[in-house]
C-alpha atoms as a PDB file:
ATOM      1  CA  MET A   1      -0.183  -0.114   0.061  1.00  0.00           C
ATOM      2  CA  ASP A   2       1.331   3.306  -1.155  1.00  0.00           C
ATOM      3  CA  ILE A   3       1.000   5.940   1.937  1.00  0.00           C
ATOM      4  CA  ASN A   4       1.750   9.473   1.572  1.00  0.00           C
ATOM      5  CA  ASP A   5       1.448  12.333   4.186  1.00  0.00           C
ATOM      6  CA  LYS A   6      -2.127  13.130   3.128  1.00  0.00           C
ATOM      7  CA  ASP A   7      -3.436   9.767   4.329  1.00  0.00           C
ATOM      8  CA  PHE A   8      -2.480  10.488   7.883  1.00  0.00           C
ATOM      9  CA  LYS A   9      -5.198  11.615   9.869  1.00  0.00           C
ATOM     10  CA  TRP A  10      -5.829  12.488  13.617  1.00  0.00           C
ATOM     11  CA  TYR A  11      -8.190  10.326  15.646  1.00  0.00           C
ATOM     12  CA  MET A  12      -9.448  10.664  19.198  1.00  0.00           C
ATOM     13  CA  ILE A  13      -9.112   7.495  21.155  1.00  0.00           C
ATOM     14  CA  SER A  14     -11.070   7.050  24.288  1.00  0.00           C
ATOM     15  CA  THR A  15      -9.258   5.326  27.135  1.00  0.00           C
ATOM     16  CA  PHE A  16      -9.872   4.573  30.823  1.00  0.00           C
ATOM     17  CA  SER A  17      -9.182   7.897  32.629  1.00  0.00           C
ATOM     18  CA  GLY A  18      -5.693   7.805  34.243  1.00  0.00           C
ATOM     19  CA  LYS A  19      -4.573   5.114  31.913  1.00  0.00           C
ATOM     20  CA  GLU A  20      -3.599   7.515  28.953  1.00  0.00           C
ATOM     21  CA  ASP A  21       0.107   7.198  29.566  1.00  0.00           C
ATOM     22  CA  ASN A  22      -0.132   3.267  29.783  1.00  0.00           C
ATOM     23  CA  VAL A  23      -2.335   3.264  26.403  1.00  0.00           C
ATOM     24  CA  ILE A  24       0.501   5.177  24.693  1.00  0.00           C
ATOM     25  CA  ASP A  25       3.240   2.715  25.834  1.00  0.00           C
ATOM     26  CA  ALA A  26       1.241  -0.100  24.974  1.00  0.00           C
ATOM     27  CA  LEU A  27       0.476   1.055  21.394  1.00  0.00           C
ATOM     28  CA  LYS A  28       3.984   1.775  20.836  1.00  0.00           C
ATOM     29  CA  ASN A  29       5.026  -1.373  21.798  1.00  0.00           C
ATOM     30  CA  LYS A  30       2.358  -3.047  19.519  1.00  0.00           C
ATOM     31  CA  ILE A  31       2.919  -0.928  16.488  1.00  0.00           C
ATOM     32  CA  VAL A  32       6.702  -2.278  16.601  1.00  0.00           C
ATOM     33  CA  ALA A  33       5.912  -5.615  17.317  1.00  0.00           C
ATOM     34  CA  GLU A  34       3.201  -5.681  14.543  1.00  0.00           C
ATOM     35  CA  LYS A  35       5.677  -3.978  12.186  1.00  0.00           C
ATOM     36  CA  MET A  36       2.931  -1.417  11.523  1.00  0.00           C
ATOM     37  CA  GLU A  37       5.332   1.724  11.977  1.00  0.00           C
ATOM     38  CA  ASP A  38       4.431   2.953   8.398  1.00  0.00           C
ATOM     39  CA  PHE A  39       0.781   3.373   9.475  1.00  0.00           C
ATOM     40  CA  PHE A  40       1.241   5.450  12.708  1.00  0.00           C
ATOM     41  CA  LYS A  41       2.972   8.929  12.815  1.00  0.00           C
ATOM     42  CA  ASP A  42       2.109  10.515  16.036  1.00  0.00           C
ATOM     43  CA  ILE A  43       0.537   9.769  19.556  1.00  0.00           C
ATOM     44  CA  ARG A  44      -0.403  12.931  21.674  1.00  0.00           C
ATOM     45  CA  ILE A  45      -1.892  13.721  24.941  1.00  0.00           C
ATOM     46  CA  PHE A  46      -2.801  17.566  25.397  1.00  0.00           C
ATOM     47  CA  LYS A  47      -1.329  18.667  28.821  1.00  0.00           C
ATOM     48  CA  MET A  48      -1.487  21.698  31.003  1.00  0.00           C
ATOM     49  CA  PRO A  49       0.171  22.595  34.145  1.00  0.00           C
ATOM     50  CA  HIS A  50      -1.737  22.143  37.387  1.00  0.00           C
ATOM     51  CA  LEU A  51      -1.405  23.031  41.013  1.00  0.00           C
ATOM     52  CA  THR A  52      -2.969  21.215  43.909  1.00  0.00           C
ATOM     53  CA  THR A  53      -4.746  23.414  46.652  1.00  0.00           C
ATOM     54  CA  LYS A  54      -1.851  22.494  48.812  1.00  0.00           C
ATOM     55  CA  ASP A  55       0.510  23.893  46.240  1.00  0.00           C
ATOM     56  CA  LEU A  56      -1.346  26.890  45.626  1.00  0.00           C
ATOM     57  CA  GLU A  57      -1.339  27.809  49.225  1.00  0.00           C
ATOM     58  CA  LYS A  58       2.502  27.399  49.143  1.00  0.00           C
ATOM     59  CA  LYS A  59       2.527  29.515  46.003  1.00  0.00           C
ATOM     60  CA  SER A  60       0.622  32.277  47.695  1.00  0.00           C
ATOM     61  CA  ARG A  61       3.185  32.400  50.360  1.00  0.00           C
ATOM     62  CA  GLY A  62       5.958  32.838  47.962  1.00  0.00           C
ATOM     63  CA  GLU A  63       7.106  29.286  48.206  1.00  0.00           C
ATOM     64  CA  GLU A  64       8.540  27.304  45.024  1.00  0.00           C
ATOM     65  CA  VAL A  65       6.219  24.777  43.524  1.00  0.00           C
ATOM     66  CA  MET A  66       6.404  22.331  40.810  1.00  0.00           C
ATOM     67  CA  PRO A  67       3.159  22.131  38.508  1.00  0.00           C
ATOM     68  CA  LYS A  68       2.163  18.617  37.732  1.00  0.00           C
ATOM     69  CA  MET A  69       1.096  18.085  34.043  1.00  0.00           C
ATOM     70  CA  VAL A  70      -2.297  16.900  33.525  1.00  0.00           C
ATOM     71  CA  ASN A  71      -4.502  15.822  30.707  1.00  0.00           C
ATOM     72  CA  ILE A  72      -6.668  18.533  29.326  1.00  0.00           C
ATOM     73  CA  TYR A  73      -8.904  15.926  27.926  1.00  0.00           C
ATOM     74  CA  LYS A  74      -8.971  13.112  30.553  1.00  0.00           C
ATOM     75  CA  GLY A  75      -9.692   9.946  29.212  1.00  0.00           C
ATOM     76  CA  TYR A  76      -8.597  10.488  25.823  1.00  0.00           C
ATOM     77  CA  ILE A  77      -5.382  10.395  23.735  1.00  0.00           C
ATOM     78  CA  PHE A  78      -4.695  11.363  19.956  1.00  0.00           C
ATOM     79  CA  LEU A  79      -3.274   9.411  17.156  1.00  0.00           C
ATOM     80  CA  ARG A  80      -2.094  10.383  13.727  1.00  0.00           C
ATOM     81  CA  MET A  81      -2.489   7.220  11.733  1.00  0.00           C
ATOM     82  CA  VAL A  82      -3.458   5.858   8.259  1.00  0.00           C
ATOM     83  CA  MET A  83      -7.062   3.956   8.989  1.00  0.00           C
ATOM     84  CA  THR A  84      -6.766   0.761   7.725  1.00  0.00           C
ATOM     85  CA  ASP A  85      -8.469  -2.433   8.820  1.00  0.00           C
ATOM     86  CA  GLU A  86      -5.281  -3.922  10.559  1.00  0.00           C
ATOM     87  CA  ALA A  87      -4.345  -0.296  12.128  1.00  0.00           C
ATOM     88  CA  TRP A  88      -7.924  -0.005  13.529  1.00  0.00           C
ATOM     89  CA  TYR A  89      -8.018  -3.509  15.018  1.00  0.00           C
ATOM     90  CA  LEU A  90      -4.418  -2.874  16.495  1.00  0.00           C
ATOM     91  CA  VAL A  91      -5.790   0.373  18.318  1.00  0.00           C
ATOM     92  CA  ARG A  92      -9.153  -0.973  19.535  1.00  0.00           C
ATOM     93  CA  ASN A  93      -7.497  -4.071  20.841  1.00  0.00           C
ATOM     94  CA  THR A  94      -5.059  -2.356  22.968  1.00  0.00           C
ATOM     95  CA  GLN A  95      -5.491  -2.754  26.867  1.00  0.00           C
ATOM     96  CA  TYR A  96      -7.447   0.346  28.418  1.00  0.00           C
ATOM     97  CA  VAL A  97      -8.917   1.639  25.093  1.00  0.00           C
ATOM     98  CA  THR A  98     -12.474   1.832  25.374  1.00  0.00           C
ATOM     99  CA  GLY A  99     -13.050   2.868  21.678  1.00  0.00           C
ATOM    100  CA  LEU A 100     -12.429   5.598  18.849  1.00  0.00           C
ATOM    101  CA  VAL A 101     -14.634   8.645  18.790  1.00  0.00           C
ATOM    102  CA  GLY A 102     -16.755   8.833  15.706  1.00  0.00           C
ATOM    103  CA  SER A 103     -17.042   5.122  15.343  1.00  0.00           C
ATOM    104  CA  SER A 104     -20.802   3.914  15.824  1.00  0.00           C
ATOM    105  CA  GLY A 105     -19.615   0.237  16.189  1.00  0.00           C
ATOM    106  CA  GLN A 106     -20.997  -2.414  13.880  1.00  0.00           C
ATOM    107  CA  GLY A 107     -17.729  -2.243  11.957  1.00  0.00           C
ATOM    108  CA  ALA A 108     -18.119   1.379  11.092  1.00  0.00           C
ATOM    109  CA  LYS A 109     -14.590   3.161  10.931  1.00  0.00           C
ATOM    110  CA  PRO A 110     -14.040   6.330  13.156  1.00  0.00           C
ATOM    111  CA  THR A 111     -14.262   9.537  11.778  1.00  0.00           C
ATOM    112  CA  PRO A 112     -10.936  11.732  11.948  1.00  0.00           C
ATOM    113  CA  ILE A 113     -10.703  15.046  13.670  1.00  0.00           C
ATOM    114  CA  SER A 114     -10.717  17.817  11.168  1.00  0.00           C
ATOM    115  CA  ASN A 115      -7.398  19.992  10.995  1.00  0.00           C
ATOM    116  CA  LYS A 116      -9.136  23.064  12.355  1.00  0.00           C
ATOM    117  CA  ASP A 117     -10.496  21.237  15.451  1.00  0.00           C
ATOM    118  CA  PHE A 118      -6.838  19.810  15.864  1.00  0.00           C
ATOM    119  CA  GLU A 119      -5.236  23.168  15.541  1.00  0.00           C
ATOM    120  CA  GLN A 120      -7.678  24.716  18.140  1.00  0.00           C
ATOM    121  CA  MET A 121      -6.708  22.006  20.568  1.00  0.00           C
ATOM    122  CA  VAL A 122      -2.957  22.781  20.044  1.00  0.00           C
ATOM    123  CA  LYS A 123      -3.768  26.683  20.531  1.00  0.00           C
ATOM    124  CA  LYS A 124      -5.676  25.878  23.803  1.00  0.00           C
ATOM    125  CA  GLU A 125      -2.744  23.700  25.150  1.00  0.00           C
ATOM    126  CA  GLN A 126      -0.187  26.803  24.328  1.00  0.00           C
ATOM    127  CA  LYS A 127      -2.654  29.394  25.811  1.00  0.00           C
ATOM    128  CA  LEU A 128      -2.889  27.532  29.119  1.00  0.00           C
ATOM    129  CA  LEU A 129       0.855  26.956  29.185  1.00  0.00           C
ATOM    130  CA  GLU A 130       1.557  30.675  28.354  1.00  0.00           C
ATOM    131  CA  ASP A 131      -0.969  31.805  30.938  1.00  0.00           C
ATOM    132  CA  PHE A 132       0.491  29.689  33.583  1.00  0.00           C
ATOM    133  CA  ASN A 133       3.961  30.921  32.752  1.00  0.00           C
ATOM    134  CA  ASN A 134       2.904  34.503  32.920  1.00  0.00           C
ATOM    135  CA  GLY A 135       1.388  33.720  36.626  1.00  0.00           C
ATOM    136  CA  ILE A 136      -2.188  33.478  35.238  1.00  0.00           C
ATOM    137  CA  ILE A 137      -3.193  30.305  37.230  1.00  0.00           C
ATOM    138  CA  GLU A 138      -6.291  29.114  39.013  1.00  0.00           C
ATOM    139  CA  THR A 139      -5.508  30.038  42.862  1.00  0.00           C
ATOM    140  CA  ILE A 140      -7.536  29.471  45.867  1.00  0.00           C
ATOM    141  CA  PHE A 141      -8.178  33.228  46.133  1.00  0.00           C
ATOM    142  CA  LYS A 142     -11.347  33.137  43.990  1.00  0.00           C
ATOM    143  CA  GLU A 143     -13.934  35.885  44.137  1.00  0.00           C
ATOM    144  CA  GLY A 144     -16.670  35.088  46.838  1.00  0.00           C
ATOM    145  CA  THR A 145     -14.007  33.224  48.961  1.00  0.00           C
ATOM    146  CA  LEU A 146     -14.143  33.998  52.578  1.00  0.00           C
ATOM    147  CA  VAL A 147     -10.560  34.888  54.086  1.00  0.00           C
ATOM    148  CA  LYS A 148      -8.928  35.654  57.199  1.00  0.00           C
ATOM    149  CA  ILE A 149      -6.373  38.511  57.425  1.00  0.00           C
ATOM    150  CA  ILE A 150      -3.304  37.127  59.019  1.00  0.00           C
ATOM    151  CA  ASN A 151      -0.716  40.124  58.939  1.00  0.00           C
ATOM    152  CA  GLY A 152      -1.109  43.833  59.470  1.00  0.00           C
ATOM    153  CA  PRO A 153      -3.632  46.518  61.054  1.00  0.00           C
ATOM    154  CA  PHE A 154      -6.628  43.919  60.107  1.00  0.00           C
ATOM    155  CA  LYS A 155      -5.334  40.723  61.426  1.00  0.00           C
ATOM    156  CA  ASP A 156      -7.831  38.151  62.573  1.00  0.00           C
ATOM    157  CA  GLU A 157     -10.378  40.277  60.485  1.00  0.00           C
ATOM    158  CA  THR A 158     -12.426  38.157  58.106  1.00  0.00           C
ATOM    159  CA  GLY A 159     -13.935  39.218  54.841  1.00  0.00           C
ATOM    160  CA  LEU A 160     -15.251  38.121  51.294  1.00  0.00           C
ATOM    161  CA  ILE A 161     -12.686  38.443  48.166  1.00  0.00           C
ATOM    162  CA  ILE A 162     -14.487  40.855  45.766  1.00  0.00           C
ATOM    163  CA  LYS A 163     -11.665  40.947  43.340  1.00  0.00           C
ATOM    164  CA  ASN A 164      -8.484  38.859  42.710  1.00  0.00           C
ATOM    165  CA  ASN A 165      -5.232  39.352  40.644  1.00  0.00           C
ATOM    166  CA  ASP A 166      -3.182  36.243  40.513  1.00  0.00           C
ATOM    167  CA  LYS A 167      -0.511  38.187  38.452  1.00  0.00           C
ATOM    168  CA  GLU A 168       0.164  40.576  41.275  1.00  0.00           C
ATOM    169  CA  GLN A 169      -0.679  38.162  44.172  1.00  0.00           C
ATOM    170  CA  LYS A 170      -3.311  40.672  45.572  1.00  0.00           C
ATOM    171  CA  ALA A 171      -6.967  40.720  46.221  1.00  0.00           C
ATOM    172  CA  PHE A 172      -9.436  43.222  47.387  1.00  0.00           C
ATOM    173  CA  VAL A 173     -11.492  41.899  50.278  1.00  0.00           C
ATOM    174  CA  MET A 174     -14.489  43.712  51.930  1.00  0.00           C
ATOM    175  CA  ILE A 175     -13.420  44.659  55.598  1.00  0.00           C
ATOM    176  CA  GLU A 176     -15.617  46.464  58.194  1.00  0.00           C
ATOM    177  CA  GLN A 177     -14.273  49.845  58.876  1.00  0.00           C
ATOM    178  CA  PHE A 178     -16.286  52.281  61.119  1.00  0.00           C
ATOM    179  CA  GLY A 179     -19.319  50.469  60.721  1.00  0.00           C
ATOM    180  CA  ARG A 180     -19.344  49.875  57.143  1.00  0.00           C
ATOM    181  CA  GLU A 181     -17.785  47.236  54.789  1.00  0.00           C
ATOM    182  CA  VAL A 182     -14.872  48.944  52.540  1.00  0.00           C
ATOM    183  CA  PRO A 183     -13.022  47.062  49.722  1.00  0.00           C
ATOM    184  CA  THR A 184      -9.352  46.732  50.918  1.00  0.00           C
ATOM    185  CA  GLU A 185      -6.622  45.509  48.927  1.00  0.00           C
ATOM    186  CA  PHE A 186      -4.134  42.586  50.581  1.00  0.00           C
ATOM    187  CA  SER A 187      -1.361  40.590  49.432  1.00  0.00           C
ATOM    188  CA  HIS A 188      -1.993  36.904  49.065  1.00  0.00           C
ATOM    189  CA  LYS A 189       0.823  36.326  51.559  1.00  0.00           C
ATOM    190  CA  ASP A 190      -1.507  38.201  54.246  1.00  0.00           C
ATOM    191  CA  LEU A 191      -4.323  36.113  53.576  1.00  0.00           C
ATOM    192  CA  GLU A 192      -5.469  32.674  54.691  1.00  0.00           C
ATOM    193  CA  ILE A 193      -8.764  30.691  53.375  1.00  0.00           C
ATOM    194  CA  CYS A 194     -11.335  30.130  56.148  1.00  0.00           C
ATOM    195  CA  SER A 195     -12.147  26.581  56.198  1.00  0.00           C
END
C-alpha cells in the first residue's frame, strides 16, 4: 500500500481515565511488534500545568512549587494514523482503550478530527501554558471566597474576596471599617482561606 502524508489523519481514542500514558506505551510496543510503523505517525496527549490546593497555598506564600502536567482531555489520547482495517484493529484491541471517537460500532470506521479542530486544541494547550508561565493560574483566592487576614492592622478580621489578581498576588477583600464594609487590598501572603 502506497502511503503519503495526506493519508495520515488525527483520531481521538477514548481510554480509561488515568490510563492514557499506559495506552501510549502499549500502542508504541504493539506498533513495533506488529511492524506497523508505516501506518502510525504521532501519539499525543494535550497537557496543562496544574497546582493542587496545597501547592496553591504554598505559591501564595511565595514558596517554590512544581506544577504537575495533567491531561486537558481526561480519558482521551490522539493518534495520527492511516485508518486501515489492521491499524484500526490494533488500536481498539489495546489494553485500556475503550473505543475510537466517531465510530458507531458494527464495523463502522471512526471519523478523523478535522485539522481545524486539532489546531484549536494545540492553541488551547499553548494558551494554558503561556497563561501559567505569565502567572495567570487558578488560585485558591477566588472571588466570593471567605478569607482571614493574618498580618497587618486588620489581623484576624475576615471578609469576602471581591476582586483577585493572581499575577500581582493581590486581592480586594470587604473589611468592616467604622461600621461599614470597605474594599481593602491585601497581598495573598497576608490572607488565609477560612475553612
